[in-house]
Amino acid sequence: MLTLLLLVITGTALAQANKDKAGYYLIPQVVLLNGDQSVSGQVQLVAGMEKKQWNIGLGTGIDYYKVRTIPLFVDLRACLGKTGALFVYADLGTNIAWPLESQYRKTWTMTGSNLGDFNNGFYGDWGIGYSLKGQQRKGIVISLGYSVKTITEHYKELTYWIVPFPQPGSAQDRERKLDYTLNRITLKLGVRL
């Protein structure tokens, strides 16, 4: 009888310890982005650990909206309710410029043609989602959110002063800078592994 009682107590303690133990997750997902530029896509991979209702991880992807970039971010999630199926999330990090050849601005300067350049910026994404969990907390993840990515473009441009007509030596190269702040609505569909 005493042995049976000790086995029940030990089993209960082990079950409680496993319940509080941190788990790990991996979420590959596709993202539909919609903003004032156009509808575009993104692929992401998020990996992290979960403890109770909190999840923290790291994520990356390829974002094709306006200028191709690589977002690199910290992923924070809080599960709501007893089942934890409903969650809110926030992704914060950096946006690494990786433009396509066609996305560089080509301009003419006094020394010939010039290709522009892009600087990295901020990446943020936050929203709400639902997880259709199967066995071992694996399943389909759907979320709706709002995303911001920033990027800066630098290029040189040949300008002329025409007052009242072109003067010799009136052409000069000028540095130009464009700061993009791209706001998008996101719809994500992924699989929690």
N, C-alpha and C. Protein backbone atom coordinates (compact mmCIF):
# COMPACT_ATOMS: atom_id res chain seq x y z
N MET A 1 0.82 -1.19 0.00
CA MET A 1 0.00 0.00 0.00
C MET A 1 0.86 1.26 0.00
N LEU A 2 1.93 1.22 0.84
CA LEU A 2 2.85 2.36 0.91
C LEU A 2 3.58 2.55 -0.41
N THR A 3 3.98 1.46 -1.06
CA THR A 3 4.66 1.55 -2.35
C THR A 3 3.74 2.15 -3.42
N LEU A 4 2.49 1.73 -3.41
CA LEU A 4 1.53 2.27 -4.36
C LEU A 4 1.30 3.78 -4.13
N LEU A 5 1.23 4.17 -2.88
CA LEU A 5 1.07 5.58 -2.54
C LEU A 5 2.28 6.39 -2.99
N LEU A 6 3.49 5.87 -2.78
CA LEU A 6 4.71 6.56 -3.23
C LEU A 6 4.76 6.65 -4.76
N LEU A 7 4.34 5.62 -5.46
CA LEU A 7 4.30 5.66 -6.93
C LEU A 7 3.32 6.71 -7.43
N VAL A 8 2.17 6.84 -6.81
CA VAL A 8 1.18 7.84 -7.21
C VAL A 8 1.72 9.25 -6.96
N ILE A 9 2.34 9.47 -5.81
CA ILE A 9 2.90 10.79 -5.49
C ILE A 9 4.04 11.14 -6.45
N THR A 10 4.93 10.18 -6.73
CA THR A 10 6.04 10.41 -7.65
C THR A 10 5.52 10.70 -9.06
N GLY A 11 4.53 9.93 -9.53
CA GLY A 11 3.95 10.15 -10.85
C GLY A 11 3.29 11.52 -10.97
N THR A 12 2.61 11.93 -9.92
CA THR A 12 1.98 13.26 -9.92
C THR A 12 3.03 14.36 -9.95
N ALA A 13 4.09 14.20 -9.18
CA ALA A 13 5.16 15.20 -9.16
C ALA A 13 5.86 15.28 -10.52
N LEU A 14 6.11 14.13 -11.15
CA LEU A 14 6.75 14.13 -12.48
C LEU A 14 5.83 14.75 -13.53
N ALA A 15 4.55 14.47 -13.45
CA ALA A 15 3.61 15.06 -14.40
C ALA A 15 3.57 16.58 -14.24
N GLN A 16 3.61 17.04 -12.98
CA GLN A 16 3.62 18.48 -12.74
C GLN A 16 4.92 19.10 -13.24
N ALA A 17 6.05 18.44 -13.04
CA ALA A 17 7.34 18.95 -13.51
C ALA A 17 7.37 19.03 -15.03
N ASN A 18 6.83 18.02 -15.71
CA ASN A 18 6.79 18.04 -17.17
C ASN A 18 5.85 19.12 -17.69
N LYS A 19 4.79 19.42 -16.93
CA LYS A 19 3.85 20.45 -17.33
C LYS A 19 4.51 21.83 -17.30
N ASP A 20 5.38 22.08 -16.32
CA ASP A 20 6.06 23.36 -16.18
C ASP A 20 7.32 23.45 -17.03
N LYS A 21 7.75 22.33 -17.59
CA LYS A 21 8.98 22.31 -18.38
C LYS A 21 8.79 23.08 -19.69
N ALA A 22 9.85 23.75 -20.13
CA ALA A 22 9.79 24.52 -21.37
C ALA A 22 9.74 23.58 -22.58
N GLY A 23 8.94 23.95 -23.57
CA GLY A 23 8.87 23.22 -24.83
C GLY A 23 9.44 24.08 -25.94
N TYR A 24 9.68 23.47 -27.08
CA TYR A 24 10.26 24.19 -28.21
C TYR A 24 9.31 24.13 -29.39
N TYR A 25 9.40 25.13 -30.26
CA TYR A 25 8.54 25.17 -31.43
C TYR A 25 9.31 25.70 -32.63
N LEU A 26 8.81 25.33 -33.80
CA LEU A 26 9.34 25.79 -35.08
C LEU A 26 8.11 26.05 -35.96
N ILE A 27 8.03 27.29 -36.51
CA ILE A 27 6.87 27.66 -37.32
C ILE A 27 7.32 28.20 -38.68
N PRO A 28 7.29 27.39 -39.73
CA PRO A 28 7.45 27.95 -41.08
C PRO A 28 6.10 28.51 -41.52
N GLN A 29 6.11 29.70 -42.12
CA GLN A 29 4.84 30.31 -42.52
C GLN A 29 4.98 31.16 -43.77
N VAL A 30 3.90 31.29 -44.49
CA VAL A 30 3.81 32.20 -45.64
C VAL A 30 2.95 33.37 -45.21
N VAL A 31 3.29 34.55 -45.74
CA VAL A 31 2.62 35.78 -45.32
C VAL A 31 2.15 36.54 -46.55
N LEU A 32 0.92 36.98 -46.53
CA LEU A 32 0.37 37.84 -47.56
C LEU A 32 0.42 39.27 -47.02
N LEU A 33 1.07 40.18 -47.76
CA LEU A 33 1.24 41.57 -47.35
C LEU A 33 0.41 42.47 -48.26
N ASN A 34 -0.37 43.37 -47.67
CA ASN A 34 -1.18 44.29 -48.46
C ASN A 34 -1.00 45.70 -47.92
N GLY A 35 -0.51 46.59 -48.78
CA GLY A 35 -0.32 47.99 -48.41
C GLY A 35 -0.67 48.88 -49.58
N ASP A 36 -0.22 50.13 -49.54
CA ASP A 36 -0.57 51.05 -50.63
C ASP A 36 0.25 50.81 -51.89
N GLN A 37 1.36 50.09 -51.83
CA GLN A 37 2.17 49.80 -53.01
C GLN A 37 1.54 48.71 -53.86
N SER A 38 1.26 47.57 -53.25
CA SER A 38 0.69 46.43 -53.96
C SER A 38 0.48 45.30 -52.97
N VAL A 39 0.03 44.18 -53.47
CA VAL A 39 -0.05 42.97 -52.67
C VAL A 39 1.22 42.19 -52.95
N SER A 40 1.86 41.71 -51.90
CA SER A 40 3.12 41.00 -52.05
C SER A 40 3.18 39.85 -51.06
N GLY A 41 4.31 39.17 -51.04
CA GLY A 41 4.45 38.01 -50.17
C GLY A 41 5.72 38.01 -49.36
N GLN A 42 5.73 37.15 -48.39
CA GLN A 42 6.87 36.98 -47.50
C GLN A 42 6.85 35.52 -47.02
N VAL A 43 8.02 34.95 -46.82
CA VAL A 43 8.13 33.65 -46.17
C VAL A 43 8.92 33.85 -44.89
N GLN A 44 8.54 33.15 -43.83
CA GLN A 44 9.19 33.31 -42.53
C GLN A 44 9.45 31.95 -41.90
N LEU A 45 10.42 31.95 -41.01
CA LEU A 45 10.71 30.80 -40.17
C LEU A 45 10.96 31.33 -38.77
N VAL A 46 10.16 30.87 -37.81
CA VAL A 46 10.27 31.30 -36.42
C VAL A 46 10.54 30.08 -35.56
N ALA A 47 11.52 30.18 -34.69
CA ALA A 47 11.85 29.09 -33.77
C ALA A 47 12.02 29.66 -32.38
N GLY A 48 11.56 28.92 -31.38
CA GLY A 48 11.69 29.43 -30.03
C GLY A 48 11.30 28.40 -29.00
N MET A 49 11.08 28.89 -27.78
CA MET A 49 10.67 28.02 -26.68
C MET A 49 9.45 28.61 -26.00
N GLU A 50 8.67 27.72 -25.39
CA GLU A 50 7.45 28.14 -24.71
C GLU A 50 7.48 27.66 -23.27
N LYS A 51 6.95 28.49 -22.41
CA LYS A 51 6.82 28.15 -20.99
C LYS A 51 5.50 28.70 -20.54
N LYS A 52 4.62 27.82 -20.12
CA LYS A 52 3.26 28.17 -19.75
C LYS A 52 2.60 28.90 -20.92
N GLN A 53 2.10 30.12 -20.71
CA GLN A 53 1.42 30.83 -21.79
C GLN A 53 2.34 31.75 -22.58
N TRP A 54 3.62 31.78 -22.29
CA TRP A 54 4.56 32.68 -22.95
C TRP A 54 5.45 31.94 -23.94
N ASN A 55 5.67 32.54 -25.10
CA ASN A 55 6.58 32.01 -26.12
C ASN A 55 7.57 33.11 -26.49
N ILE A 56 8.82 32.75 -26.62
CA ILE A 56 9.84 33.70 -27.09
C ILE A 56 10.73 32.97 -28.08
N GLY A 57 11.07 33.65 -29.17
CA GLY A 57 11.88 33.01 -30.19
C GLY A 57 12.54 34.02 -31.11
N LEU A 58 13.22 33.50 -32.11
CA LEU A 58 13.86 34.30 -33.14
C LEU A 58 13.28 33.92 -34.49
N GLY A 59 13.21 34.90 -35.37
CA GLY A 59 12.65 34.62 -36.69
C GLY A 59 13.39 35.37 -37.78
N THR A 60 13.24 34.86 -38.99
CA THR A 60 13.80 35.50 -40.16
C THR A 60 12.92 35.15 -41.35
N GLY A 61 13.20 35.77 -42.48
CA GLY A 61 12.41 35.50 -43.67
C GLY A 61 12.93 36.27 -44.86
N ILE A 62 12.14 36.28 -45.91
CA ILE A 62 12.42 37.08 -47.10
C ILE A 62 11.15 37.84 -47.42
N ASP A 63 11.26 39.16 -47.46
CA ASP A 63 10.13 40.06 -47.67
C ASP A 63 10.28 40.72 -49.04
N TYR A 64 9.29 40.55 -49.92
CA TYR A 64 9.37 41.06 -51.30
C TYR A 64 8.58 42.35 -51.50
N TYR A 65 8.06 42.96 -50.43
CA TYR A 65 7.24 44.15 -50.58
C TYR A 65 8.10 45.37 -50.92
N LYS A 66 7.85 46.03 -52.05
CA LYS A 66 8.54 47.21 -52.58
C LYS A 66 10.01 46.92 -52.90
N VAL A 67 10.82 46.63 -51.88
CA VAL A 67 12.24 46.29 -52.03
C VAL A 67 12.47 44.99 -51.27
N ARG A 68 13.14 44.03 -51.89
CA ARG A 68 13.41 42.75 -51.22
C ARG A 68 14.32 42.97 -50.03
N THR A 69 13.92 42.45 -48.88
CA THR A 69 14.69 42.57 -47.64
C THR A 69 14.64 41.26 -46.86
N ILE A 70 15.48 41.18 -45.85
CA ILE A 70 15.50 40.04 -44.94
C ILE A 70 15.20 40.56 -43.54
N PRO A 71 13.98 40.34 -43.03
CA PRO A 71 13.70 40.73 -41.65
C PRO A 71 14.35 39.72 -40.69
N LEU A 72 14.95 40.24 -39.65
CA LEU A 72 15.55 39.43 -38.58
C LEU A 72 14.98 39.97 -37.29
N PHE A 73 14.25 39.15 -36.52
CA PHE A 73 13.46 39.69 -35.41
C PHE A 73 13.35 38.74 -34.23
N VAL A 74 12.94 39.32 -33.10
CA VAL A 74 12.59 38.57 -31.89
C VAL A 74 11.08 38.40 -31.92
N ASP A 75 10.62 37.19 -31.68
CA ASP A 75 9.19 36.86 -31.72
C ASP A 75 8.70 36.63 -30.29
N LEU A 76 7.72 37.41 -29.85
CA LEU A 76 7.11 37.27 -28.53
C LEU A 76 5.64 36.93 -28.72
N ARG A 77 5.17 35.91 -28.00
CA ARG A 77 3.76 35.50 -28.09
C ARG A 77 3.22 35.25 -26.69
N ALA A 78 1.98 35.63 -26.49
CA ALA A 78 1.27 35.35 -25.24
C ALA A 78 -0.02 34.64 -25.58
N CYS A 79 -0.18 33.42 -25.07
CA CYS A 79 -1.38 32.63 -25.31
C CYS A 79 -2.47 33.07 -24.34
N LEU A 80 -3.69 33.16 -24.84
CA LEU A 80 -4.81 33.63 -24.03
C LEU A 80 -5.78 32.49 -23.77
N GLY A 81 -6.42 32.50 -22.63
CA GLY A 81 -7.41 31.48 -22.29
C GLY A 81 -6.78 30.21 -21.77
N LYS A 82 -7.64 29.27 -21.39
CA LYS A 82 -7.16 28.00 -20.83
C LYS A 82 -6.52 27.11 -21.87
N THR A 83 -7.07 27.10 -23.09
CA THR A 83 -6.53 26.22 -24.12
C THR A 83 -5.28 26.81 -24.77
N GLY A 84 -5.13 28.12 -24.73
CA GLY A 84 -3.97 28.76 -25.35
C GLY A 84 -4.04 28.80 -26.86
N ALA A 85 -5.23 28.55 -27.43
CA ALA A 85 -5.37 28.56 -28.88
C ALA A 85 -5.30 29.98 -29.44
N LEU A 86 -5.88 30.94 -28.74
CA LEU A 86 -5.86 32.33 -29.15
C LEU A 86 -4.58 32.97 -28.60
N PHE A 87 -3.89 33.77 -29.41
CA PHE A 87 -2.65 34.40 -28.95
C PHE A 87 -2.49 35.78 -29.56
N VAL A 88 -1.68 36.60 -28.90
CA VAL A 88 -1.24 37.88 -29.44
C VAL A 88 0.27 37.76 -29.63
N TYR A 89 0.79 38.48 -30.63
CA TYR A 89 2.22 38.37 -30.91
C TYR A 89 2.80 39.74 -31.25
N ALA A 90 4.11 39.85 -31.09
CA ALA A 90 4.87 41.04 -31.50
C ALA A 90 6.22 40.57 -32.00
N ASP A 91 6.58 41.02 -33.21
CA ASP A 91 7.90 40.73 -33.80
C ASP A 91 8.63 42.06 -33.96
N LEU A 92 9.79 42.18 -33.37
CA LEU A 92 10.57 43.42 -33.44
C LEU A 92 12.00 43.10 -33.82
N GLY A 93 12.56 43.88 -34.76
CA GLY A 93 13.94 43.61 -35.15
C GLY A 93 14.43 44.55 -36.24
N THR A 94 15.35 44.05 -37.03
CA THR A 94 15.97 44.84 -38.08
C THR A 94 15.55 44.32 -39.45
N ASN A 95 15.63 45.20 -40.43
CA ASN A 95 15.26 44.90 -41.79
C ASN A 95 16.51 45.04 -42.66
N ILE A 96 17.07 43.95 -43.13
CA ILE A 96 18.34 43.96 -43.87
C ILE A 96 18.04 44.07 -45.37
N ALA A 97 18.59 45.10 -45.99
CA ALA A 97 18.35 45.35 -47.43
C ALA A 97 19.04 44.29 -48.28
N TRP A 98 18.30 43.73 -49.25
CA TRP A 98 18.82 42.77 -50.21
C TRP A 98 18.04 42.94 -51.52
N PRO A 99 18.18 44.13 -52.16
CA PRO A 99 17.35 44.43 -53.33
C PRO A 99 17.70 43.57 -54.55
N LEU A 100 16.71 43.38 -55.38
CA LEU A 100 16.91 42.75 -56.68
C LEU A 100 17.66 43.72 -57.58
N GLU A 101 18.26 43.23 -58.62
CA GLU A 101 19.00 44.09 -59.56
C GLU A 101 18.09 45.17 -60.15
N SER A 102 16.85 44.82 -60.42
CA SER A 102 15.91 45.78 -61.01
C SER A 102 15.43 46.84 -60.02
N GLN A 103 15.68 46.66 -58.73
CA GLN A 103 15.22 47.61 -57.72
C GLN A 103 16.23 48.72 -57.42
N TYR A 104 17.44 48.61 -57.97
CA TYR A 104 18.42 49.68 -57.81
C TYR A 104 18.07 50.82 -58.76
N ARG A 105 18.19 52.04 -58.28
CA ARG A 105 17.94 53.22 -59.12
C ARG A 105 19.21 53.52 -59.89
N LYS A 106 19.11 53.58 -61.23
CA LYS A 106 20.26 53.90 -62.07
C LYS A 106 20.11 55.34 -62.55
N THR A 107 21.08 56.18 -62.23
CA THR A 107 21.04 57.58 -62.63
C THR A 107 22.33 57.94 -63.35
N TRP A 108 22.27 59.06 -64.08
CA TRP A 108 23.45 59.55 -64.78
C TRP A 108 24.06 60.69 -63.98
N THR A 109 25.38 60.65 -63.84
CA THR A 109 26.11 61.70 -63.14
C THR A 109 27.18 62.24 -64.08
N MET A 110 27.95 63.18 -63.59
CA MET A 110 29.01 63.77 -64.41
C MET A 110 30.09 62.75 -64.75
N THR A 111 30.23 61.72 -63.94
CA THR A 111 31.26 60.70 -64.17
C THR A 111 30.70 59.46 -64.86
N GLY A 112 29.43 59.50 -65.29
CA GLY A 112 28.83 58.34 -65.95
C GLY A 112 27.59 57.89 -65.20
N SER A 113 27.25 56.61 -65.34
CA SER A 113 26.06 56.10 -64.67
C SER A 113 26.41 55.71 -63.23
N ASN A 114 25.38 55.70 -62.39
CA ASN A 114 25.55 55.44 -60.97
C ASN A 114 24.39 54.59 -60.48
N LEU A 115 24.68 53.55 -59.71
CA LEU A 115 23.63 52.75 -59.09
C LEU A 115 23.42 53.23 -57.66
N GLY A 116 22.18 53.28 -57.24
CA GLY A 116 21.86 53.69 -55.88
C GLY A 116 22.29 52.62 -54.87
N ASP A 117 22.01 52.90 -53.61
CA ASP A 117 22.38 52.00 -52.52
C ASP A 117 21.26 52.04 -51.48
N PHE A 118 21.09 50.95 -50.73
CA PHE A 118 20.07 50.87 -49.70
C PHE A 118 20.71 50.62 -48.34
N ASN A 119 20.14 51.23 -47.30
CA ASN A 119 20.56 50.99 -45.92
C ASN A 119 19.49 50.19 -45.19
N ASN A 120 19.90 49.43 -44.19
CA ASN A 120 18.99 48.63 -43.38
C ASN A 120 18.07 49.54 -42.57
N GLY A 121 16.99 48.96 -42.08
CA GLY A 121 16.03 49.73 -41.30
C GLY A 121 15.40 48.90 -40.19
N PHE A 122 14.20 49.29 -39.78
CA PHE A 122 13.44 48.68 -38.69
C PHE A 122 12.41 47.71 -39.25
N TYR A 123 12.14 46.65 -38.51
CA TYR A 123 11.06 45.73 -38.86
C TYR A 123 10.20 45.49 -37.62
N GLY A 124 8.91 45.63 -37.77
CA GLY A 124 7.98 45.36 -36.68
C GLY A 124 6.70 44.75 -37.21
N ASP A 125 6.12 43.85 -36.45
CA ASP A 125 4.89 43.18 -36.84
C ASP A 125 4.17 42.76 -35.56
N TRP A 126 2.89 43.10 -35.42
CA TRP A 126 2.15 42.71 -34.24
C TRP A 126 0.72 42.41 -34.64
N GLY A 127 0.07 41.52 -33.88
CA GLY A 127 -1.29 41.15 -34.22
C GLY A 127 -1.85 40.08 -33.32
N ILE A 128 -2.88 39.40 -33.82
CA ILE A 128 -3.59 38.37 -33.07
C ILE A 128 -3.69 37.13 -33.95
N GLY A 129 -3.71 35.96 -33.31
CA GLY A 129 -3.77 34.74 -34.10
C GLY A 129 -4.50 33.62 -33.38
N TYR A 130 -4.66 32.52 -34.11
CA TYR A 130 -5.33 31.35 -33.57
C TYR A 130 -4.54 30.12 -33.98
N SER A 131 -4.34 29.22 -33.05
CA SER A 131 -3.58 28.01 -33.30
C SER A 131 -4.50 26.80 -33.20
N LEU A 132 -4.61 26.06 -34.28
CA LEU A 132 -5.40 24.83 -34.30
C LEU A 132 -4.46 23.69 -33.89
N LYS A 133 -4.36 23.47 -32.59
CA LYS A 133 -3.37 22.53 -32.07
C LYS A 133 -3.89 21.11 -32.10
N GLY A 134 -3.01 20.24 -32.53
CA GLY A 134 -3.29 18.81 -32.50
C GLY A 134 -2.54 18.18 -31.34
N GLN A 135 -1.99 17.02 -31.56
CA GLN A 135 -1.22 16.35 -30.52
C GLN A 135 0.10 17.06 -30.30
N GLN A 136 0.56 17.09 -29.08
CA GLN A 136 1.84 17.67 -28.67
C GLN A 136 1.96 19.14 -29.11
N ARG A 137 0.83 19.86 -29.10
CA ARG A 137 0.79 21.30 -29.38
C ARG A 137 1.23 21.64 -30.80
N LYS A 138 1.19 20.69 -31.72
CA LYS A 138 1.52 20.93 -33.11
C LYS A 138 0.24 21.20 -33.88
N GLY A 139 0.33 21.96 -34.98
CA GLY A 139 -0.86 22.21 -35.76
C GLY A 139 -0.73 23.44 -36.65
N ILE A 140 -1.87 23.89 -37.16
CA ILE A 140 -1.95 25.03 -38.08
C ILE A 140 -2.03 26.33 -37.27
N VAL A 141 -1.31 27.37 -37.73
CA VAL A 141 -1.32 28.68 -37.07
C VAL A 141 -1.77 29.73 -38.09
N ILE A 142 -2.80 30.50 -37.73
CA ILE A 142 -3.32 31.56 -38.60
C ILE A 142 -3.28 32.86 -37.79
N SER A 143 -2.80 33.94 -38.41
CA SER A 143 -2.78 35.22 -37.69
C SER A 143 -3.02 36.38 -38.64
N LEU A 144 -3.50 37.48 -38.08
CA LEU A 144 -3.77 38.71 -38.78
C LEU A 144 -3.07 39.83 -38.02
N GLY A 145 -2.32 40.67 -38.74
CA GLY A 145 -1.56 41.70 -38.04
C GLY A 145 -1.28 42.93 -38.88
N TYR A 146 -0.46 43.78 -38.32
CA TYR A 146 -0.04 45.04 -38.94
C TYR A 146 1.49 45.07 -38.90
N SER A 147 2.11 45.37 -40.03
CA SER A 147 3.56 45.31 -40.13
C SER A 147 4.12 46.62 -40.67
N VAL A 148 5.30 46.98 -40.17
CA VAL A 148 6.02 48.17 -40.63
C VAL A 148 7.44 47.75 -40.96
N LYS A 149 7.94 48.18 -42.14
CA LYS A 149 9.35 48.00 -42.44
C LYS A 149 9.87 49.32 -42.99
N THR A 150 11.06 49.69 -42.56
CA THR A 150 11.68 50.92 -43.05
C THR A 150 12.96 50.57 -43.78
N ILE A 151 13.31 51.41 -44.74
CA ILE A 151 14.53 51.23 -45.53
C ILE A 151 14.89 52.60 -46.11
N THR A 152 16.17 52.85 -46.28
CA THR A 152 16.63 54.13 -46.82
C THR A 152 17.39 53.89 -48.11
N GLU A 153 17.06 54.68 -49.13
CA GLU A 153 17.74 54.59 -50.43
C GLU A 153 18.59 55.84 -50.64
N HIS A 154 19.84 55.65 -51.07
CA HIS A 154 20.75 56.75 -51.40
C HIS A 154 21.13 56.63 -52.88
N TYR A 155 21.17 57.78 -53.57
CA TYR A 155 21.62 57.78 -54.96
C TYR A 155 22.10 59.18 -55.32
N LYS A 156 22.88 59.27 -56.40
CA LYS A 156 23.35 60.56 -56.92
C LYS A 156 22.54 60.92 -58.15
N GLU A 157 22.35 62.22 -58.35
CA GLU A 157 21.56 62.69 -59.46
C GLU A 157 22.24 63.91 -60.09
N LEU A 158 22.23 63.97 -61.40
CA LEU A 158 22.82 65.09 -62.13
C LEU A 158 21.77 66.19 -62.24
N THR A 159 22.09 67.38 -61.74
CA THR A 159 21.15 68.50 -61.79
C THR A 159 21.78 69.67 -62.54
N TYR A 160 20.94 70.48 -63.17
CA TYR A 160 21.37 71.66 -63.91
C TYR A 160 20.70 72.90 -63.31
N TRP A 161 21.43 73.99 -63.34
CA TRP A 161 20.86 75.28 -62.95
C TRP A 161 20.54 76.01 -64.25
N ILE A 162 19.29 76.31 -64.50
CA ILE A 162 18.88 76.97 -65.73
C ILE A 162 18.24 78.32 -65.36
N VAL A 163 19.04 79.31 -65.09
CA VAL A 163 18.53 80.64 -64.73
C VAL A 163 19.39 81.68 -65.43
N PRO A 164 18.98 82.42 -66.37
CA PRO A 164 17.80 82.20 -67.22
C PRO A 164 18.06 81.15 -68.28
N PHE A 165 19.29 80.74 -68.50
CA PHE A 165 19.61 79.67 -69.44
C PHE A 165 20.84 78.95 -68.90
N PRO A 166 21.12 77.70 -69.38
CA PRO A 166 22.24 76.92 -68.82
C PRO A 166 23.57 77.66 -68.94
N GLN A 167 24.30 77.67 -67.85
CA GLN A 167 25.63 78.28 -67.81
C GLN A 167 26.67 77.16 -67.86
N PRO A 168 27.84 77.40 -68.43
CA PRO A 168 28.91 76.39 -68.37
C PRO A 168 29.25 76.09 -66.91
N GLY A 169 29.38 74.84 -66.60
CA GLY A 169 29.69 74.43 -65.22
C GLY A 169 28.50 74.45 -64.30
N SER A 170 27.26 74.61 -64.84
CA SER A 170 26.08 74.67 -63.98
C SER A 170 25.57 73.28 -63.59
N ALA A 171 26.08 72.22 -64.19
CA ALA A 171 25.67 70.86 -63.84
C ALA A 171 26.49 70.37 -62.65
N GLN A 172 25.83 69.68 -61.74
CA GLN A 172 26.54 69.10 -60.59
C GLN A 172 25.81 67.86 -60.10
N ASP A 173 26.59 67.00 -59.44
CA ASP A 173 26.02 65.79 -58.85
C ASP A 173 25.47 66.14 -57.47
N ARG A 174 24.27 65.67 -57.20
CA ARG A 174 23.65 65.90 -55.89
C ARG A 174 23.30 64.57 -55.25
N GLU A 175 23.58 64.47 -53.96
CA GLU A 175 23.19 63.29 -53.18
C GLU A 175 21.70 63.36 -52.88
N ARG A 176 21.01 62.28 -53.10
CA ARG A 176 19.59 62.19 -52.79
C ARG A 176 19.38 61.05 -51.79
N LYS A 177 18.37 61.22 -50.94
CA LYS A 177 18.07 60.22 -49.93
C LYS A 177 16.55 60.08 -49.84
N LEU A 178 16.08 58.84 -49.94
CA LEU A 178 14.66 58.54 -49.80
C LEU A 178 14.47 57.60 -48.61
N ASP A 179 13.66 58.01 -47.64
CA ASP A 179 13.33 57.17 -46.49
C ASP A 179 11.96 56.54 -46.73
N TYR A 180 11.92 55.21 -46.80
CA TYR A 180 10.66 54.50 -46.99
C TYR A 180 10.17 53.98 -45.66
N THR A 181 8.91 54.22 -45.35
CA THR A 181 8.22 53.59 -44.23
C THR A 181 7.03 52.88 -44.84
N LEU A 182 7.10 51.57 -44.87
CA LEU A 182 6.11 50.75 -45.57
C LEU A 182 5.20 50.08 -44.55
N ASN A 183 3.94 50.49 -44.53
CA ASN A 183 2.93 49.96 -43.61
C ASN A 183 2.08 48.95 -44.36
N ARG A 184 1.90 47.77 -43.75
CA ARG A 184 1.16 46.70 -44.44
C ARG A 184 0.25 45.96 -43.47
N ILE A 185 -0.83 45.40 -44.00
CA ILE A 185 -1.68 44.45 -43.28
C ILE A 185 -1.13 43.06 -43.62
N THR A 186 -1.00 42.19 -42.60
CA THR A 186 -0.43 40.86 -42.84
C THR A 186 -1.46 39.77 -42.52
N LEU A 187 -1.45 38.75 -43.34
CA LEU A 187 -2.22 37.53 -43.10
C LEU A 187 -1.23 36.38 -43.18
N LYS A 188 -1.06 35.67 -42.06
CA LYS A 188 -0.05 34.59 -41.99
C LYS A 188 -0.72 33.24 -41.87
N LEU A 189 -0.12 32.27 -42.54
CA LEU A 189 -0.56 30.88 -42.43
C LEU A 189 0.68 30.02 -42.26
N GLY A 190 0.73 29.27 -41.16
CA GLY A 190 1.92 28.47 -40.88
C GLY A 190 1.57 27.14 -40.25
N VAL A 191 2.61 26.36 -40.02
CA VAL A 191 2.48 25.06 -39.38
C VAL A 191 3.41 25.05 -38.17
N ARG A 192 2.85 24.77 -37.02
CA ARG A 192 3.66 24.69 -35.80
C ARG A 192 4.19 23.28 -35.66
N LEU A 193 5.51 23.14 -35.69
CA LEU A 193 6.15 21.82 -35.59
C LEU A 193 6.75 21.62 -34.23
